[in-house]
Each structure stands twice: as structure tokens, then as C-alpha cells.
Amino acid sequence: VLVSHRDSTMRVADTVMFLENGVILERQPGDEFFT
């Protein structure tokens, strides 16, 4: 489980979740989240 504000770091993840105030706003496969 990797927490980061760096997009370059998060690109290695299989699944990326974007959280704000404890709420999951977005959840995508890692290769889709940034593309």
C-alpha cells in the first residue's frame, strides 16, 4: 500500500485510488488512471 502525492510514484501501482477527506473519489487500474 503506497501513499503518495507524486504522479511519477503512483504510476507503478496496479490500482490507484484518489482519496479526499477519507472518501475514495476515483479508483482505476494503474495503467488507466493517468491515461
Full PDB file with SEQRES, HELIX, SHEET, SSBOND, CRYST1, ORIGX, SCALE, CONECT and MASTER records, all heavy atoms in Angstrom:
SEQRES   1 A   35  VAL LEU VAL SER HIS ARG ASP SER THR MET ARG VAL ALA          
SEQRES   2 A   35  ASP THR VAL MET PHE LEU GLU ASN GLY VAL ILE LEU GLU          
SEQRES   3 A   35  ARG GLN PRO GLY ASP GLU PHE PHE THR                          
HELIX    1 AA1 ASP A    7  MET A   10  1                                   4    
HELIX    2 AA2 GLY A   30  PHE A   33  1                                   4    
SHEET    1 AA1 2 THR A  15  GLU A  20  0                                        
SHEET    2 AA1 2 VAL A  23  PRO A  29 -1                                        
CRYST1    1.000    1.000    1.000  90.00  90.00  90.00 P 1           1          
ORIGX1      1.000000  0.000000  0.000000        0.00000                         
ORIGX2      0.000000  1.000000  0.000000        0.00000                         
ORIGX3      0.000000  0.000000  1.000000        0.00000                         
SCALE1      1.000000  0.000000  0.000000        0.00000                         
SCALE2      0.000000  1.000000  0.000000        0.00000                         
SCALE3      0.000000  0.000000  1.000000        0.00000                         
ATOM      1  N   VAL A   1       0.877  -1.172   0.000  1.00  0.00           N  
ATOM      2  CA  VAL A   1       0.000   0.000   0.000  1.00  0.00           C  
ATOM      3  C   VAL A   1       0.913   1.220   0.000  1.00  0.00           C  
ATOM      4  O   VAL A   1       1.690   1.423   0.937  1.00  0.00           O  
ATOM      5  CB  VAL A   1      -0.932   0.022   1.226  1.00  0.00           C  
ATOM      6  CG1 VAL A   1      -1.812   1.271   1.189  1.00  0.00           C  
ATOM      7  CG2 VAL A   1      -1.792  -1.236   1.269  1.00  0.00           C  
ATOM      8  N   LEU A   2       0.830   2.004  -1.048  1.00  0.00           N  
ATOM      9  CA  LEU A   2       1.726   3.135  -1.246  1.00  0.00           C  
ATOM     10  C   LEU A   2       0.918   4.425  -1.283  1.00  0.00           C  
ATOM     11  O   LEU A   2       0.001   4.557  -2.087  1.00  0.00           O  
ATOM     12  CB  LEU A   2       2.509   2.935  -2.546  1.00  0.00           C  
ATOM     13  CG  LEU A   2       3.675   3.866  -2.874  1.00  0.00           C  
ATOM     14  CD1 LEU A   2       4.609   3.170  -3.879  1.00  0.00           C  
ATOM     15  CD2 LEU A   2       3.229   5.191  -3.444  1.00  0.00           C  
ATOM     16  N   VAL A   3       1.247   5.348  -0.398  1.00  0.00           N  
ATOM     17  CA  VAL A   3       0.587   6.658  -0.368  1.00  0.00           C  
ATOM     18  C   VAL A   3       1.557   7.699  -0.900  1.00  0.00           C  
ATOM     19  O   VAL A   3       2.704   7.776  -0.440  1.00  0.00           O  
ATOM     20  CB  VAL A   3       0.154   7.026   1.069  1.00  0.00           C  
ATOM     21  CG1 VAL A   3      -0.407   8.445   1.110  1.00  0.00           C  
ATOM     22  CG2 VAL A   3      -0.879   6.035   1.588  1.00  0.00           C  
ATOM     23  N   SER A   4       1.113   8.471  -1.890  1.00  0.00           N  
ATOM     24  CA  SER A   4       1.998   9.486  -2.450  1.00  0.00           C  
ATOM     25  C   SER A   4       1.182  10.568  -3.144  1.00  0.00           C  
ATOM     26  O   SER A   4       0.079  10.318  -3.630  1.00  0.00           O  
ATOM     27  CB  SER A   4       2.969   8.860  -3.459  1.00  0.00           C  
ATOM     28  OG  SER A   4       3.825   9.847  -4.028  1.00  0.00           O  
ATOM     29  N   HIS A   5       1.741  11.782  -3.160  1.00  0.00           N  
ATOM     30  CA  HIS A   5       1.159  12.875  -3.942  1.00  0.00           C  
ATOM     31  C   HIS A   5       1.901  13.044  -5.271  1.00  0.00           C  
ATOM     32  O   HIS A   5       1.571  13.922  -6.051  1.00  0.00           O  
ATOM     33  CB  HIS A   5       1.223  14.184  -3.149  1.00  0.00           C  
ATOM     34  CG  HIS A   5       0.290  14.206  -1.979  1.00  0.00           C  
ATOM     35  ND1 HIS A   5       0.640  13.722  -0.743  1.00  0.00           N  
ATOM     36  CD2 HIS A   5      -0.988  14.641  -1.873  1.00  0.00           C  
ATOM     37  CE1 HIS A   5      -0.387  13.867   0.088  1.00  0.00           C  
ATOM     38  NE2 HIS A   5      -1.379  14.421  -0.574  1.00  0.00           N  
ATOM     39  N   ARG A   6       2.901  12.207  -5.507  1.00  0.00           N  
ATOM     40  CA  ARG A   6       3.679  12.280  -6.741  1.00  0.00           C  
ATOM     41  C   ARG A   6       3.064  11.370  -7.795  1.00  0.00           C  
ATOM     42  O   ARG A   6       2.958  10.164  -7.596  1.00  0.00           O  
ATOM     43  CB  ARG A   6       5.123  11.839  -6.497  1.00  0.00           C  
ATOM     44  CG  ARG A   6       6.043  12.876  -5.904  1.00  0.00           C  
ATOM     45  CD  ARG A   6       7.479  12.352  -5.939  1.00  0.00           C  
ATOM     46  NE  ARG A   6       8.425  13.354  -5.501  1.00  0.00           N  
ATOM     47  CZ  ARG A   6       9.744  13.187  -5.564  1.00  0.00           C  
ATOM     48  NH1 ARG A   6      10.247  12.062  -6.051  1.00  0.00           N  
ATOM     49  NH2 ARG A   6      10.558  14.141  -5.144  1.00  0.00           N  
ATOM     50  N   ASP A   7       2.676  11.945  -8.931  1.00  0.00           N  
ATOM     51  CA  ASP A   7       2.144  11.125 -10.009  1.00  0.00           C  
ATOM     52  C   ASP A   7       3.186  10.132 -10.497  1.00  0.00           C  
ATOM     53  O   ASP A   7       2.857   8.976 -10.831  1.00  0.00           O  
ATOM     54  CB  ASP A   7       1.690  12.009 -11.172  1.00  0.00           C  
ATOM     55  CG  ASP A   7       0.425  12.797 -10.850  1.00  0.00           C  
ATOM     56  OD1 ASP A   7      -0.352  12.346  -9.994  1.00  0.00           O  
ATOM     57  OD2 ASP A   7       0.219  13.854 -11.457  1.00  0.00           O  
ATOM     58  N   SER A   8       4.458  10.555 -10.544  1.00  0.00           N  
ATOM     59  CA  SER A   8       5.510   9.665 -11.027  1.00  0.00           C  
ATOM     60  C   SER A   8       5.635   8.439 -10.138  1.00  0.00           C  
ATOM     61  O   SER A   8       5.919   7.339 -10.620  1.00  0.00           O  
ATOM     62  CB  SER A   8       6.847  10.414 -11.080  1.00  0.00           C  
ATOM     63  OG  SER A   8       7.164  10.977  -9.808  1.00  0.00           O  
ATOM     64  N   THR A   9       5.412   8.588  -8.849  1.00  0.00           N  
ATOM     65  CA  THR A   9       5.489   7.454  -7.923  1.00  0.00           C  
ATOM     66  C   THR A   9       4.283   6.539  -8.085  1.00  0.00           C  
ATOM     67  O   THR A   9       4.413   5.310  -8.122  1.00  0.00           O  
ATOM     68  CB  THR A   9       5.571   7.954  -6.473  1.00  0.00           C  
ATOM     69  OG1 THR A   9       6.758   8.735  -6.312  1.00  0.00           O  
ATOM     70  CG2 THR A   9       5.600   6.801  -5.494  1.00  0.00           C  
ATOM     71  N   MET A  10       3.099   7.107  -8.225  1.00  0.00           N  
ATOM     72  CA  MET A  10       1.879   6.305  -8.275  1.00  0.00           C  
ATOM     73  C   MET A  10       1.746   5.507  -9.570  1.00  0.00           C  
ATOM     74  O   MET A  10       0.958   4.564  -9.644  1.00  0.00           O  
ATOM     75  CB  MET A  10       0.651   7.203  -8.110  1.00  0.00           C  
ATOM     76  CG  MET A  10       0.580   7.926  -6.768  1.00  0.00           C  
ATOM     77  SD  MET A  10       0.784   6.812  -5.351  1.00  0.00           S  
ATOM     78  CE  MET A  10      -0.622   5.724  -5.562  1.00  0.00           C  
ATOM     79  N   ARG A  11       2.521   5.845 -10.581  1.00  0.00           N  
ATOM     80  CA  ARG A  11       2.395   5.132 -11.862  1.00  0.00           C  
ATOM     81  C   ARG A  11       2.846   3.674 -11.774  1.00  0.00           C  
ATOM     82  O   ARG A  11       2.586   2.895 -12.700  1.00  0.00           O  
ATOM     83  CB  ARG A  11       3.177   5.870 -12.956  1.00  0.00           C  
ATOM     84  CG  ARG A  11       2.450   7.115 -13.457  1.00  0.00           C  
ATOM     85  CD  ARG A  11       3.287   7.902 -14.439  1.00  0.00           C  
ATOM     86  NE  ARG A  11       3.511   7.169 -15.671  1.00  0.00           N  
ATOM     87  CZ  ARG A  11       2.664   7.123 -16.693  1.00  0.00           C  
ATOM     88  NH1 ARG A  11       1.499   7.756 -16.607  1.00  0.00           N  
ATOM     89  NH2 ARG A  11       2.956   6.462 -17.789  1.00  0.00           N  
ATOM     90  N   VAL A  12       3.510   3.275 -10.686  1.00  0.00           N  
ATOM     91  CA  VAL A  12       3.918   1.868 -10.560  1.00  0.00           C  
ATOM     92  C   VAL A  12       2.797   1.009  -9.982  1.00  0.00           C  
ATOM     93  O   VAL A  12       2.915  -0.218  -9.959  1.00  0.00           O  
ATOM     94  CB  VAL A  12       5.180   1.725  -9.674  1.00  0.00           C  
ATOM     95  CG1 VAL A  12       6.312   2.568 -10.210  1.00  0.00           C  
ATOM     96  CG2 VAL A  12       4.887   2.070  -8.220  1.00  0.00           C  
ATOM     97  N   ALA A  13       1.716   1.624  -9.515  1.00  0.00           N  
ATOM     98  CA  ALA A  13       0.671   0.887  -8.809  1.00  0.00           C  
ATOM     99  C   ALA A  13      -0.214   0.085  -9.766  1.00  0.00           C  
ATOM    100  O   ALA A  13      -0.470   0.505 -10.895  1.00  0.00           O  
ATOM    101  CB  ALA A  13      -0.197   1.854  -8.000  1.00  0.00           C  
ATOM    102  N   ASP A  14      -0.681  -1.068  -9.304  1.00  0.00           N  
ATOM    103  CA  ASP A  14      -1.645  -1.860 -10.072  1.00  0.00           C  
ATOM    104  C   ASP A  14      -3.022  -1.202 -10.039  1.00  0.00           C  
ATOM    105  O   ASP A  14      -3.759  -1.225 -11.022  1.00  0.00           O  
ATOM    106  CB  ASP A  14      -1.752  -3.275  -9.504  1.00  0.00           C  
ATOM    107  CG  ASP A  14      -0.449  -4.052  -9.640  1.00  0.00           C  
ATOM    108  OD1 ASP A  14       0.192  -3.942 -10.695  1.00  0.00           O  
ATOM    109  OD2 ASP A  14      -0.083  -4.760  -8.693  1.00  0.00           O  
ATOM    110  N   THR A  15      -3.379  -0.652  -8.889  1.00  0.00           N  
ATOM    111  CA  THR A  15      -4.647   0.051  -8.716  1.00  0.00           C  
ATOM    112  C   THR A  15      -4.380   1.355  -7.986  1.00  0.00           C  
ATOM    113  O   THR A  15      -3.619   1.387  -7.023  1.00  0.00           O  
ATOM    114  CB  THR A  15      -5.644  -0.788  -7.887  1.00  0.00           C  
ATOM    115  OG1 THR A  15      -5.859  -2.039  -8.545  1.00  0.00           O  
ATOM    116  CG2 THR A  15      -6.978  -0.060  -7.737  1.00  0.00           C  
ATOM    117  N   VAL A  16      -4.981   2.435  -8.471  1.00  0.00           N  
ATOM    118  CA  VAL A  16      -4.797   3.749  -7.863  1.00  0.00           C  
ATOM    119  C   VAL A  16      -6.147   4.239  -7.352  1.00  0.00           C  
ATOM    120  O   VAL A  16      -7.149   4.208  -8.070  1.00  0.00           O  
ATOM    121  CB  VAL A  16      -4.218   4.764  -8.869  1.00  0.00           C  
ATOM    122  CG1 VAL A  16      -4.085   6.139  -8.222  1.00  0.00           C  
ATOM    123  CG2 VAL A  16      -2.862   4.298  -9.380  1.00  0.00           C  
ATOM    124  N   MET A  17      -6.154   4.672  -6.091  1.00  0.00           N  
ATOM    125  CA  MET A  17      -7.348   5.277  -5.512  1.00  0.00           C  
ATOM    126  C   MET A  17      -7.026   6.708  -5.127  1.00  0.00           C  
ATOM    127  O   MET A  17      -5.995   6.969  -4.487  1.00  0.00           O  
ATOM    128  CB  MET A  17      -7.816   4.485  -4.286  1.00  0.00           C  
ATOM    129  CG  MET A  17      -8.316   3.101  -4.614  1.00  0.00           C  
ATOM    130  SD  MET A  17      -8.970   2.221  -3.150  1.00  0.00           S  
ATOM    131  CE  MET A  17      -7.458   1.957  -2.226  1.00  0.00           C  
ATOM    132  N   PHE A  18      -7.878   7.625  -5.518  1.00  0.00           N  
ATOM    133  CA  PHE A  18      -7.719   9.035  -5.196  1.00  0.00           C  
ATOM    134  C   PHE A  18      -8.665   9.370  -4.051  1.00  0.00           C  
ATOM    135  O   PHE A  18      -9.879   9.294  -4.191  1.00  0.00           O  
ATOM    136  CB  PHE A  18      -8.026   9.894  -6.427  1.00  0.00           C  
ATOM    137  CG  PHE A  18      -7.837  11.369  -6.201  1.00  0.00           C  
ATOM    138  CD1 PHE A  18      -6.719  11.853  -5.541  1.00  0.00           C  
ATOM    139  CD2 PHE A  18      -8.784  12.278  -6.660  1.00  0.00           C  
ATOM    140  CE1 PHE A  18      -6.541  13.206  -5.341  1.00  0.00           C  
ATOM    141  CE2 PHE A  18      -8.613  13.633  -6.463  1.00  0.00           C  
ATOM    142  CZ  PHE A  18      -7.491  14.102  -5.801  1.00  0.00           C  
ATOM    143  N   LEU A  19      -8.078   9.680  -2.879  1.00  0.00           N  
ATOM    144  CA  LEU A  19      -8.868   9.946  -1.684  1.00  0.00           C  
ATOM    145  C   LEU A  19      -8.848  11.424  -1.336  1.00  0.00           C  
ATOM    146  O   LEU A  19      -7.842  12.110  -1.521  1.00  0.00           O  
ATOM    147  CB  LEU A  19      -8.332   9.160  -0.483  1.00  0.00           C  
ATOM    148  CG  LEU A  19      -8.671   7.672  -0.383  1.00  0.00           C  
ATOM    149  CD1 LEU A  19      -7.847   6.856  -1.351  1.00  0.00           C  
ATOM    150  CD2 LEU A  19      -8.454   7.170   1.029  1.00  0.00           C  
ATOM    151  N   GLU A  20      -9.966  11.887  -0.811  1.00  0.00           N  
ATOM    152  CA  GLU A  20     -10.050  13.250  -0.299  1.00  0.00           C  
ATOM    153  C   GLU A  20     -10.962  13.247   0.923  1.00  0.00           C  
ATOM    154  O   GLU A  20     -12.100  12.783   0.858  1.00  0.00           O  
ATOM    155  CB  GLU A  20     -10.594  14.207  -1.366  1.00  0.00           C  
ATOM    156  CG  GLU A  20     -10.539  15.668  -0.941  1.00  0.00           C  
ATOM    157  CD  GLU A  20     -10.901  16.604  -2.082  1.00  0.00           C  
ATOM    158  OE1 GLU A  20     -10.272  16.485  -3.166  1.00  0.00           O  
ATOM    159  OE2 GLU A  20     -11.814  17.438  -1.910  1.00  0.00           O  
ATOM    160  N   ASN A  21     -10.422  13.703   2.056  1.00  0.00           N  
ATOM    161  CA  ASN A  21     -11.175  13.715   3.316  1.00  0.00           C  
ATOM    162  C   ASN A  21     -11.723  12.334   3.668  1.00  0.00           C  
ATOM    163  O   ASN A  21     -12.846  12.190   4.148  1.00  0.00           O  
ATOM    164  CB  ASN A  21     -12.318  14.740   3.251  1.00  0.00           C  
ATOM    165  CG  ASN A  21     -11.813  16.155   3.074  1.00  0.00           C  
ATOM    166  OD1 ASN A  21     -10.784  16.534   3.637  1.00  0.00           O  
ATOM    167  ND2 ASN A  21     -12.519  16.938   2.274  1.00  0.00           N  
ATOM    168  N   GLY A  22     -10.895  11.301   3.393  1.00  0.00           N  
ATOM    169  CA  GLY A  22     -11.288   9.947   3.755  1.00  0.00           C  
ATOM    170  C   GLY A  22     -12.265   9.282   2.816  1.00  0.00           C  
ATOM    171  O   GLY A  22     -12.719   8.169   3.081  1.00  0.00           O  
ATOM    172  N   VAL A  23     -12.598   9.940   1.717  1.00  0.00           N  
ATOM    173  CA  VAL A  23     -13.564   9.402   0.757  1.00  0.00           C  
ATOM    174  C   VAL A  23     -12.839   9.063  -0.546  1.00  0.00           C  
ATOM    175  O   VAL A  23     -12.049   9.866  -1.055  1.00  0.00           O  
ATOM    176  CB  VAL A  23     -14.695  10.411   0.471  1.00  0.00           C  
ATOM    177  CG1 VAL A  23     -15.665   9.858  -0.568  1.00  0.00           C  
ATOM    178  CG2 VAL A  23     -15.434  10.754   1.754  1.00  0.00           C  
ATOM    179  N   ILE A  24     -13.089   7.862  -1.089  1.00  0.00           N  
ATOM    180  CA  ILE A  24     -12.494   7.467  -2.367  1.00  0.00           C  
ATOM    181  C   ILE A  24     -13.270   8.150  -3.491  1.00  0.00           C  
ATOM    182  O   ILE A  24     -14.444   7.850  -3.722  1.00  0.00           O  
ATOM    183  CB  ILE A  24     -12.523   5.944  -2.543  1.00  0.00           C  
ATOM    184  CG1 ILE A  24     -11.714   5.256  -1.440  1.00  0.00           C  
ATOM    185  CG2 ILE A  24     -11.985   5.551  -3.921  1.00  0.00           C  
ATOM    186  CD1 ILE A  24     -11.788   3.739  -1.478  1.00  0.00           C  
ATOM    187  N   LEU A  25     -12.621   9.083  -4.179  1.00  0.00           N  
ATOM    188  CA  LEU A  25     -13.267   9.802  -5.268  1.00  0.00           C  
ATOM    189  C   LEU A  25     -13.100   9.087  -6.603  1.00  0.00           C  
ATOM    190  O   LEU A  25     -13.986   9.160  -7.457  1.00  0.00           O  
ATOM    191  CB  LEU A  25     -12.695  11.220  -5.372  1.00  0.00           C  
ATOM    192  CG  LEU A  25     -12.872  12.118  -4.142  1.00  0.00           C  
ATOM    193  CD1 LEU A  25     -12.322  13.513  -4.426  1.00  0.00           C  
ATOM    194  CD2 LEU A  25     -14.345  12.206  -3.744  1.00  0.00           C  
ATOM    195  N   GLU A  26     -11.956   8.449  -6.793  1.00  0.00           N  
ATOM    196  CA  GLU A  26     -11.705   7.726  -8.039  1.00  0.00           C  
ATOM    197  C   GLU A  26     -10.940   6.453  -7.722  1.00  0.00           C  
ATOM    198  O   GLU A  26     -10.115   6.410  -6.817  1.00  0.00           O  
ATOM    199  CB  GLU A  26     -10.885   8.577  -9.015  1.00  0.00           C  
ATOM    200  CG  GLU A  26     -11.583   9.830  -9.512  1.00  0.00           C  
ATOM    201  CD  GLU A  26     -10.720  10.601 -10.491  1.00  0.00           C  
ATOM    202  OE1 GLU A  26     -10.205   9.967 -11.447  1.00  0.00           O  
ATOM    203  OE2 GLU A  26     -10.551  11.816 -10.319  1.00  0.00           O  
ATOM    204  N   ARG A  27     -11.224   5.413  -8.489  1.00  0.00           N  
ATOM    205  CA  ARG A  27     -10.494   4.150  -8.385  1.00  0.00           C  
ATOM    206  C   ARG A  27     -10.340   3.595  -9.782  1.00  0.00           C  
ATOM    207  O   ARG A  27     -11.334   3.367 -10.466  1.00  0.00           O  
ATOM    208  CB  ARG A  27     -11.234   3.170  -7.481  1.00  0.00           C  
ATOM    209  CG  ARG A  27     -10.551   1.808  -7.373  1.00  0.00           C  
ATOM    210  CD  ARG A  27     -11.246   0.927  -6.365  1.00  0.00           C  
ATOM    211  NE  ARG A  27     -10.565  -0.371  -6.251  1.00  0.00           N  
ATOM    212  CZ  ARG A  27     -10.639  -1.147  -5.189  1.00  0.00           C  
ATOM    213  NH1 ARG A  27     -11.346  -0.767  -4.142  1.00  0.00           N  
ATOM    214  NH2 ARG A  27     -10.017  -2.298  -5.163  1.00  0.00           N  
ATOM    215  N   GLN A  28      -9.102   3.396 -10.195  1.00  0.00           N  
ATOM    216  CA  GLN A  28      -8.829   2.961 -11.561  1.00  0.00           C  
ATOM    217  C   GLN A  28      -7.639   2.011 -11.564  1.00  0.00           C  
ATOM    218  O   GLN A  28      -6.771   2.089 -10.693  1.00  0.00           O  
ATOM    219  CB  GLN A  28      -8.462   4.176 -12.444  1.00  0.00           C  
ATOM    220  CG  GLN A  28      -9.566   5.182 -12.686  1.00  0.00           C  
ATOM    221  CD  GLN A  28     -10.463   4.779 -13.842  1.00  0.00           C  
ATOM    222  OE1 GLN A  28     -10.094   3.958 -14.668  1.00  0.00           O  
ATOM    223  NE2 GLN A  28     -11.653   5.356 -13.878  1.00  0.00           N  
ATOM    224  N   PRO A  29      -7.563   1.107 -12.553  1.00  0.00           N  
ATOM    225  CA  PRO A  29      -6.316   0.366 -12.745  1.00  0.00           C  
ATOM    226  C   PRO A  29      -5.178   1.358 -12.968  1.00  0.00           C  
ATOM    227  O   PRO A  29      -5.374   2.419 -13.579  1.00  0.00           O  
ATOM    228  CB  PRO A  29      -6.583  -0.473 -14.003  1.00  0.00           C  
ATOM    229  CG  PRO A  29      -8.077  -0.590 -14.059  1.00  0.00           C  
ATOM    230  CD  PRO A  29      -8.610   0.700 -13.515  1.00  0.00           C  
ATOM    231  N   GLY A  30      -4.007   1.026 -12.464  1.00  0.00           N  
ATOM    232  CA  GLY A  30      -2.904   1.970 -12.524  1.00  0.00           C  
ATOM    233  C   GLY A  30      -2.587   2.467 -13.919  1.00  0.00           C  
ATOM    234  O   GLY A  30      -2.315   3.657 -14.122  1.00  0.00           O  
ATOM    235  N   ASP A  31      -2.652   1.570 -14.922  1.00  0.00           N  
ATOM    236  CA  ASP A  31      -2.289   1.990 -16.272  1.00  0.00           C  
ATOM    237  C   ASP A  31      -3.361   2.864 -16.921  1.00  0.00           C  
ATOM    238  O   ASP A  31      -3.116   3.492 -17.950  1.00  0.00           O  
ATOM    239  CB  ASP A  31      -1.997   0.782 -17.158  1.00  0.00           C  
ATOM    240  CG  ASP A  31      -3.164  -0.199 -17.212  1.00  0.00           C  
ATOM    241  OD1 ASP A  31      -4.147  -0.006 -16.460  1.00  0.00           O  
ATOM    242  OD2 ASP A  31      -3.095  -1.160 -17.997  1.00  0.00           O  
ATOM    243  N   GLU A  32      -4.556   2.923 -16.322  1.00  0.00           N  
ATOM    244  CA  GLU A  32      -5.628   3.757 -16.868  1.00  0.00           C  
ATOM    245  C   GLU A  32      -5.786   5.075 -16.111  1.00  0.00           C  
ATOM    246  O   GLU A  32      -6.279   6.056 -16.664  1.00  0.00           O  
ATOM    247  CB  GLU A  32      -6.971   3.016 -16.825  1.00  0.00           C  
ATOM    248  CG  GLU A  32      -7.029   1.782 -17.715  1.00  0.00           C  
ATOM    249  CD  GLU A  32      -8.379   1.098 -17.640  1.00  0.00           C  
ATOM    250  OE1 GLU A  32      -9.330   1.727 -17.105  1.00  0.00           O  
ATOM    251  OE2 GLU A  32      -8.497  -0.045 -18.097  1.00  0.00           O  
ATOM    252  N   PHE A  33      -5.371   5.085 -14.859  1.00  0.00           N  
ATOM    253  CA  PHE A  33      -5.653   6.229 -14.003  1.00  0.00           C  
ATOM    254  C   PHE A  33      -5.065   7.518 -14.559  1.00  0.00           C  
ATOM    255  O   PHE A  33      -5.651   8.588 -14.450  1.00  0.00           O  
ATOM    256  CB  PHE A  33      -5.090   5.978 -12.597  1.00  0.00           C  
ATOM    257  CG  PHE A  33      -5.585   6.935 -11.560  1.00  0.00           C  
ATOM    258  CD1 PHE A  33      -6.839   6.774 -11.001  1.00  0.00           C  
ATOM    259  CD2 PHE A  33      -4.816   8.011 -11.151  1.00  0.00           C  
ATOM    260  CE1 PHE A  33      -7.319   7.652 -10.036  1.00  0.00           C  
ATOM    261  CE2 PHE A  33      -5.278   8.886 -10.193  1.00  0.00           C  
ATOM    262  CZ  PHE A  33      -6.533   8.708  -9.631  1.00  0.00           C  
ATOM    263  N   PHE A  34      -3.874   7.409 -15.170  1.00  0.00           N  
ATOM    264  CA  PHE A  34      -3.214   8.603 -15.668  1.00  0.00           C  
ATOM    265  C   PHE A  34      -3.385   8.800 -17.171  1.00  0.00           C  
ATOM    266  O   PHE A  34      -2.884   9.772 -17.728  1.00  0.00           O  
ATOM    267  CB  PHE A  34      -1.722   8.541 -15.329  1.00  0.00           C  
ATOM    268  CG  PHE A  34      -1.454   8.532 -13.848  1.00  0.00           C  
ATOM    269  CD1 PHE A  34      -1.195   7.354 -13.187  1.00  0.00           C  
ATOM    270  CD2 PHE A  34      -1.473   9.706 -13.119  1.00  0.00           C  
ATOM    271  CE1 PHE A  34      -0.956   7.342 -11.815  1.00  0.00           C  
ATOM    272  CE2 PHE A  34      -1.245   9.701 -11.754  1.00  0.00           C  
ATOM    273  CZ  PHE A  34      -0.977   8.516 -11.107  1.00  0.00           C  
ATOM    274  N   THR A  35      -4.073   7.884 -17.831  1.00  0.00           N  
ATOM    275  CA  THR A  35      -4.230   8.000 -19.274  1.00  0.00           C  
ATOM    276  C   THR A  35      -5.685   8.066 -19.725  1.00  0.00           C  
ATOM    277  O   THR A  35      -5.965   8.454 -20.855  1.00  0.00           O  
ATOM    278  CB  THR A  35      -3.560   6.805 -19.982  1.00  0.00           C  
ATOM    279  OG1 THR A  35      -4.115   5.582 -19.480  1.00  0.00           O  
ATOM    280  CG2 THR A  35      -2.056   6.813 -19.726  1.00  0.00           C  
TER     281      THR A  35                                                      
MASTER        0    0    0    2    2    0    0    6  280    1    0    3          
END                                                                             
